Amino acid sequence: MTGFRRITPFLWFASQAEEAATFYTGIFPNSRIRQVTHYSKEASGPSGRPEGSVMTVDFELDGEPVSALNGGPVFTFTEAISLVVKCKDQAEIDHYWNRLSEGGDPNAQACGWLKDKYGLSWQICPVEIDELAKSPKAMAALMNMTKIDIARLKEAAR
């Protein structure tokens, strides 16, 4: 099976699935909206969503599949789940941090976590975060950061 992925994140939105997918695919390279489905008459009744409105959006973020559902306001995102973005340098951290936090709350969490305007949590961190976190001094520095500063972490690790 070409393109088969066993696990795909599935995100529940009240009504902003297509808007969010468009926002996210505009941030990451190698991203696109693959398919948008709409609520049929049969599906709209049980779901409480309007017939003809967007039901699901299948999209790719940097080549990785993601699905989104407009399921109504029954469920919302919590910090119990986040998407991790590994960055090769400070410029990438700055880019993803700045773009994903537009309209959201970049100070909602520490250690490279932010909450976007849809309430979804993201971890924006360097690719070497696991190695840096082995240093107690780097870990102490990390605990006092919102957006990660790679140079400060490396300095603390020395």
C-alpha atoms as a PDB file:
ATOM      1  CA  MET A   1       0.000   0.000   0.000  1.00  0.00           C
ATOM      2  CA  THR A   2       1.593   3.223  -1.122  1.00  0.00           C
ATOM      3  CA  GLY A   3       1.299   6.039   1.399  1.00  0.00           C
ATOM      4  CA  PHE A   4      -0.212   3.811   4.101  1.00  0.00           C
ATOM      5  CA  ARG A   5       0.261   5.212   7.600  1.00  0.00           C
ATOM      6  CA  ARG A   6      -0.890   3.195  10.547  1.00  0.00           C
ATOM      7  CA  ILE A   7      -1.356   6.120  12.927  1.00  0.00           C
ATOM      8  CA  THR A   8      -2.813   9.516  12.015  1.00  0.00           C
ATOM      9  CA  PRO A   9      -3.582  12.326  14.478  1.00  0.00           C
ATOM     10  CA  PHE A  10      -7.318  13.120  14.422  1.00  0.00           C
ATOM     11  CA  LEU A  11      -8.201  16.558  15.768  1.00  0.00           C
ATOM     12  CA  TRP A  12     -11.696  17.565  16.948  1.00  0.00           C
ATOM     13  CA  PHE A  13     -12.737  21.167  16.313  1.00  0.00           C
ATOM     14  CA  ALA A  14     -16.043  22.843  17.084  1.00  0.00           C
ATOM     15  CA  SER A  15     -16.371  24.294  13.581  1.00  0.00           C
ATOM     16  CA  GLN A  16     -12.923  25.489  12.475  1.00  0.00           C
ATOM     17  CA  ALA A  17     -11.363  22.324  10.981  1.00  0.00           C
ATOM     18  CA  GLU A  18     -10.915  23.743   7.476  1.00  0.00           C
ATOM     19  CA  GLU A  19      -9.718  27.125   8.784  1.00  0.00           C
ATOM     20  CA  ALA A  20      -7.206  25.407  11.077  1.00  0.00           C
ATOM     21  CA  ALA A  21      -5.975  23.063   8.318  1.00  0.00           C
ATOM     22  CA  THR A  22      -5.464  26.054   6.021  1.00  0.00           C
ATOM     23  CA  PHE A  23      -3.603  27.892   8.794  1.00  0.00           C
ATOM     24  CA  TYR A  24      -1.355  24.916   9.593  1.00  0.00           C
ATOM     25  CA  THR A  25      -0.588  24.031   5.957  1.00  0.00           C
ATOM     26  CA  GLY A  26       0.432  27.650   5.378  1.00  0.00           C
ATOM     27  CA  ILE A  27       3.113  27.333   8.067  1.00  0.00           C
ATOM     28  CA  PHE A  28       4.811  24.025   7.277  1.00  0.00           C
ATOM     29  CA  PRO A  29       6.614  23.168   4.029  1.00  0.00           C
ATOM     30  CA  ASN A  30       5.522  20.058   2.134  1.00  0.00           C
ATOM     31  CA  SER A  31       1.940  20.534   3.382  1.00  0.00           C
ATOM     32  CA  ARG A  32      -1.419  20.452   1.650  1.00  0.00           C
ATOM     33  CA  ILE A  33      -5.113  19.880   2.136  1.00  0.00           C
ATOM     34  CA  ARG A  34      -5.915  16.524   0.570  1.00  0.00           C
ATOM     35  CA  GLN A  35      -9.672  16.207   0.970  1.00  0.00           C
ATOM     36  CA  VAL A  36     -12.649  18.018   2.474  1.00  0.00           C
ATOM     37  CA  THR A  37     -15.911  16.175   3.141  1.00  0.00           C
ATOM     38  CA  HIS A  38     -19.262  17.724   4.011  1.00  0.00           C
ATOM     39  CA  TYR A  39     -22.100  16.650   6.260  1.00  0.00           C
ATOM     40  CA  SER A  40     -24.826  14.808   4.396  1.00  0.00           C
ATOM     41  CA  LYS A  41     -28.461  15.036   5.413  1.00  0.00           C
ATOM     42  CA  GLU A  42     -28.098  11.660   7.145  1.00  0.00           C
ATOM     43  CA  ALA A  43     -24.979  12.609   9.095  1.00  0.00           C
ATOM     44  CA  SER A  44     -26.084  16.128   9.984  1.00  0.00           C
ATOM     45  CA  GLY A  45     -29.025  15.001  12.137  1.00  0.00           C
ATOM     46  CA  PRO A  46     -27.180  12.804  14.645  1.00  0.00           C
ATOM     47  CA  SER A  47     -24.173  15.142  14.756  1.00  0.00           C
ATOM     48  CA  GLY A  48     -26.150  18.350  15.130  1.00  0.00           C
ATOM     49  CA  ARG A  49     -24.002  19.941  12.421  1.00  0.00           C
ATOM     50  CA  PRO A  50     -25.636  21.738   9.461  1.00  0.00           C
ATOM     51  CA  GLU A  51     -26.125  19.762   6.263  1.00  0.00           C
ATOM     52  CA  GLY A  52     -23.512  20.795   3.689  1.00  0.00           C
ATOM     53  CA  SER A  53     -21.097  22.175   6.277  1.00  0.00           C
ATOM     54  CA  VAL A  54     -17.528  20.870   6.450  1.00  0.00           C
ATOM     55  CA  MET A  55     -17.343  17.556   8.298  1.00  0.00           C
ATOM     56  CA  THR A  56     -13.727  16.402   7.903  1.00  0.00           C
ATOM     57  CA  VAL A  57     -10.505  17.740   6.463  1.00  0.00           C
ATOM     58  CA  ASP A  58      -7.639  15.414   5.608  1.00  0.00           C
ATOM     59  CA  PHE A  59      -4.339  17.224   5.234  1.00  0.00           C
ATOM     60  CA  GLU A  60      -0.589  16.767   5.417  1.00  0.00           C
ATOM     61  CA  LEU A  61       1.810  18.689   7.638  1.00  0.00           C
ATOM     62  CA  ASP A  62       5.343  18.372   6.318  1.00  0.00           C
ATOM     63  CA  GLY A  63       4.275  15.148   4.628  1.00  0.00           C
ATOM     64  CA  GLU A  64       2.619  13.671   7.737  1.00  0.00           C
ATOM     65  CA  PRO A  65      -1.118  12.882   7.540  1.00  0.00           C
ATOM     66  CA  VAL A  66      -3.536  14.646   9.886  1.00  0.00           C
ATOM     67  CA  SER A  67      -7.342  14.543   9.978  1.00  0.00           C
ATOM     68  CA  ALA A  68      -9.661  17.142  11.455  1.00  0.00           C
ATOM     69  CA  LEU A  69     -13.354  16.950  12.301  1.00  0.00           C
ATOM     70  CA  ASN A  70     -15.932  19.647  12.883  1.00  0.00           C
ATOM     71  CA  GLY A  71     -17.738  17.833  15.671  1.00  0.00           C
ATOM     72  CA  GLY A  72     -19.257  20.760  17.528  1.00  0.00           C
ATOM     73  CA  PRO A  73     -18.313  22.193  20.920  1.00  0.00           C
ATOM     74  CA  VAL A  74     -18.610  18.883  22.794  1.00  0.00           C
ATOM     75  CA  PHE A  75     -14.846  18.446  23.232  1.00  0.00           C
ATOM     76  CA  THR A  76     -11.949  20.891  23.396  1.00  0.00           C
ATOM     77  CA  PHE A  77      -8.186  20.504  23.343  1.00  0.00           C
ATOM     78  CA  THR A  78      -6.227  20.192  26.568  1.00  0.00           C
ATOM     79  CA  GLU A  79      -2.522  20.199  27.315  1.00  0.00           C
ATOM     80  CA  ALA A  80      -2.775  16.427  27.739  1.00  0.00           C
ATOM     81  CA  ILE A  81      -1.868  16.143  24.051  1.00  0.00           C
ATOM     82  CA  SER A  82       0.469  18.230  21.933  1.00  0.00           C
ATOM     83  CA  LEU A  83       2.218  18.099  18.597  1.00  0.00           C
ATOM     84  CA  VAL A  84       6.022  18.220  18.726  1.00  0.00           C
ATOM     85  CA  VAL A  85       7.942  20.177  16.090  1.00  0.00           C
ATOM     86  CA  LYS A  86      11.672  19.379  16.058  1.00  0.00           C
ATOM     87  CA  CYS A  87      13.723  22.274  14.692  1.00  0.00           C
ATOM     88  CA  LYS A  88      17.261  22.211  13.278  1.00  0.00           C
ATOM     89  CA  ASP A  89      18.207  25.721  14.481  1.00  0.00           C
ATOM     90  CA  GLN A  90      17.037  28.861  16.272  1.00  0.00           C
ATOM     91  CA  ALA A  91      15.657  30.354  13.047  1.00  0.00           C
ATOM     92  CA  GLU A  92      13.267  27.408  12.692  1.00  0.00           C
ATOM     93  CA  ILE A  93      12.268  27.638  16.362  1.00  0.00           C
ATOM     94  CA  ASP A  94      11.547  31.331  15.918  1.00  0.00           C
ATOM     95  CA  HIS A  95       9.570  30.723  12.705  1.00  0.00           C
ATOM     96  CA  TYR A  96       7.312  27.978  14.066  1.00  0.00           C
ATOM     97  CA  TRP A  97       6.924  29.661  17.448  1.00  0.00           C
ATOM     98  CA  ASN A  98       5.932  32.985  15.926  1.00  0.00           C
ATOM     99  CA  ARG A  99       3.575  31.556  13.316  1.00  0.00           C
ATOM    100  CA  LEU A 100       1.834  28.973  15.503  1.00  0.00           C
ATOM    101  CA  SER A 101       1.357  31.402  18.374  1.00  0.00           C
ATOM    102  CA  GLU A 102      -0.364  34.019  16.133  1.00  0.00           C
ATOM    103  CA  GLY A 103      -3.660  34.688  17.894  1.00  0.00           C
ATOM    104  CA  GLY A 104      -2.885  32.046  20.496  1.00  0.00           C
ATOM    105  CA  ASP A 105      -1.093  32.073  23.820  1.00  0.00           C
ATOM    106  CA  PRO A 106       2.693  31.705  23.546  1.00  0.00           C
ATOM    107  CA  ASN A 107       3.039  32.059  27.331  1.00  0.00           C
ATOM    108  CA  ALA A 108       0.463  29.438  28.304  1.00  0.00           C
ATOM    109  CA  GLN A 109       3.111  26.858  29.081  1.00  0.00           C
ATOM    110  CA  ALA A 110       6.854  26.550  29.639  1.00  0.00           C
ATOM    111  CA  CYS A 111       9.641  24.470  28.087  1.00  0.00           C
ATOM    112  CA  GLY A 112       8.912  25.267  24.455  1.00  0.00           C
ATOM    113  CA  TRP A 113       5.159  24.699  24.616  1.00  0.00           C
ATOM    114  CA  LEU A 114       2.610  27.105  23.193  1.00  0.00           C
ATOM    115  CA  LYS A 115      -1.118  27.054  22.628  1.00  0.00           C
ATOM    116  CA  ASP A 116      -2.366  28.138  19.184  1.00  0.00           C
ATOM    117  CA  LYS A 117      -5.508  30.144  18.441  1.00  0.00           C
ATOM    118  CA  TYR A 118      -7.556  26.920  18.238  1.00  0.00           C
ATOM    119  CA  GLY A 119      -6.401  25.747  21.671  1.00  0.00           C
ATOM    120  CA  LEU A 120      -4.062  23.035  20.343  1.00  0.00           C
ATOM    121  CA  SER A 121      -0.756  22.705  22.203  1.00  0.00           C
ATOM    122  CA  TRP A 122       2.541  22.516  20.317  1.00  0.00           C
ATOM    123  CA  GLN A 123       6.080  21.820  21.524  1.00  0.00           C
ATOM    124  CA  ILE A 124       8.649  23.746  19.501  1.00  0.00           C
ATOM    125  CA  CYS A 125      12.073  22.362  20.355  1.00  0.00           C
ATOM    126  CA  PRO A 126      15.524  21.738  18.900  1.00  0.00           C
ATOM    127  CA  VAL A 127      16.336  18.337  17.443  1.00  0.00           C
ATOM    128  CA  GLU A 128      18.955  17.902  20.178  1.00  0.00           C
ATOM    129  CA  ILE A 129      16.528  18.558  23.053  1.00  0.00           C
ATOM    130  CA  ASP A 130      16.819  15.017  24.438  1.00  0.00           C
ATOM    131  CA  GLU A 131      20.609  15.278  24.620  1.00  0.00           C
ATOM    132  CA  LEU A 132      20.524  18.782  26.122  1.00  0.00           C
ATOM    133  CA  ALA A 133      17.937  17.714  28.713  1.00  0.00           C
ATOM    134  CA  LYS A 134      20.423  15.197  30.142  1.00  0.00           C
ATOM    135  CA  SER A 135      22.299  18.132  31.661  1.00  0.00           C
ATOM    136  CA  PRO A 136      20.795  19.228  35.005  1.00  0.00           C
ATOM    137  CA  LYS A 137      21.880  22.831  34.340  1.00  0.00           C
ATOM    138  CA  ALA A 138      20.356  22.850  30.861  1.00  0.00           C
ATOM    139  CA  MET A 139      17.178  21.311  32.291  1.00  0.00           C
ATOM    140  CA  ALA A 140      17.023  24.048  34.941  1.00  0.00           C
ATOM    141  CA  ALA A 141      17.412  26.683  32.211  1.00  0.00           C
ATOM    142  CA  LEU A 142      14.747  24.978  30.100  1.00  0.00           C
ATOM    143  CA  MET A 143      12.255  25.042  32.968  1.00  0.00           C
ATOM    144  CA  ASN A 144      12.514  28.847  32.996  1.00  0.00           C
ATOM    145  CA  MET A 145      11.924  29.326  29.248  1.00  0.00           C
ATOM    146  CA  THR A 146       8.752  29.667  27.276  1.00  0.00           C
ATOM    147  CA  LYS A 147      10.224  29.814  23.752  1.00  0.00           C
ATOM    148  CA  ILE A 148      13.426  27.782  23.701  1.00  0.00           C
ATOM    149  CA  ASP A 149      16.719  29.591  23.212  1.00  0.00           C
ATOM    150  CA  ILE A 150      19.175  26.977  21.906  1.00  0.00           C
ATOM    151  CA  ALA A 151      22.280  29.080  22.662  1.00  0.00           C
ATOM    152  CA  ARG A 152      21.220  29.510  26.314  1.00  0.00           C
ATOM    153  CA  LEU A 153      20.555  25.773  26.648  1.00  0.00           C
ATOM    154  CA  LYS A 154      23.926  24.861  25.149  1.00  0.00           C
ATOM    155  CA  GLU A 155      25.676  27.385  27.384  1.00  0.00           C
ATOM    156  CA  ALA A 156      23.934  25.965  30.455  1.00  0.00           C
ATOM    157  CA  ALA A 157      24.896  22.418  29.422  1.00  0.00           C
ATOM    158  CA  ARG A 158      28.622  23.314  29.286  1.00  0.00           C
END
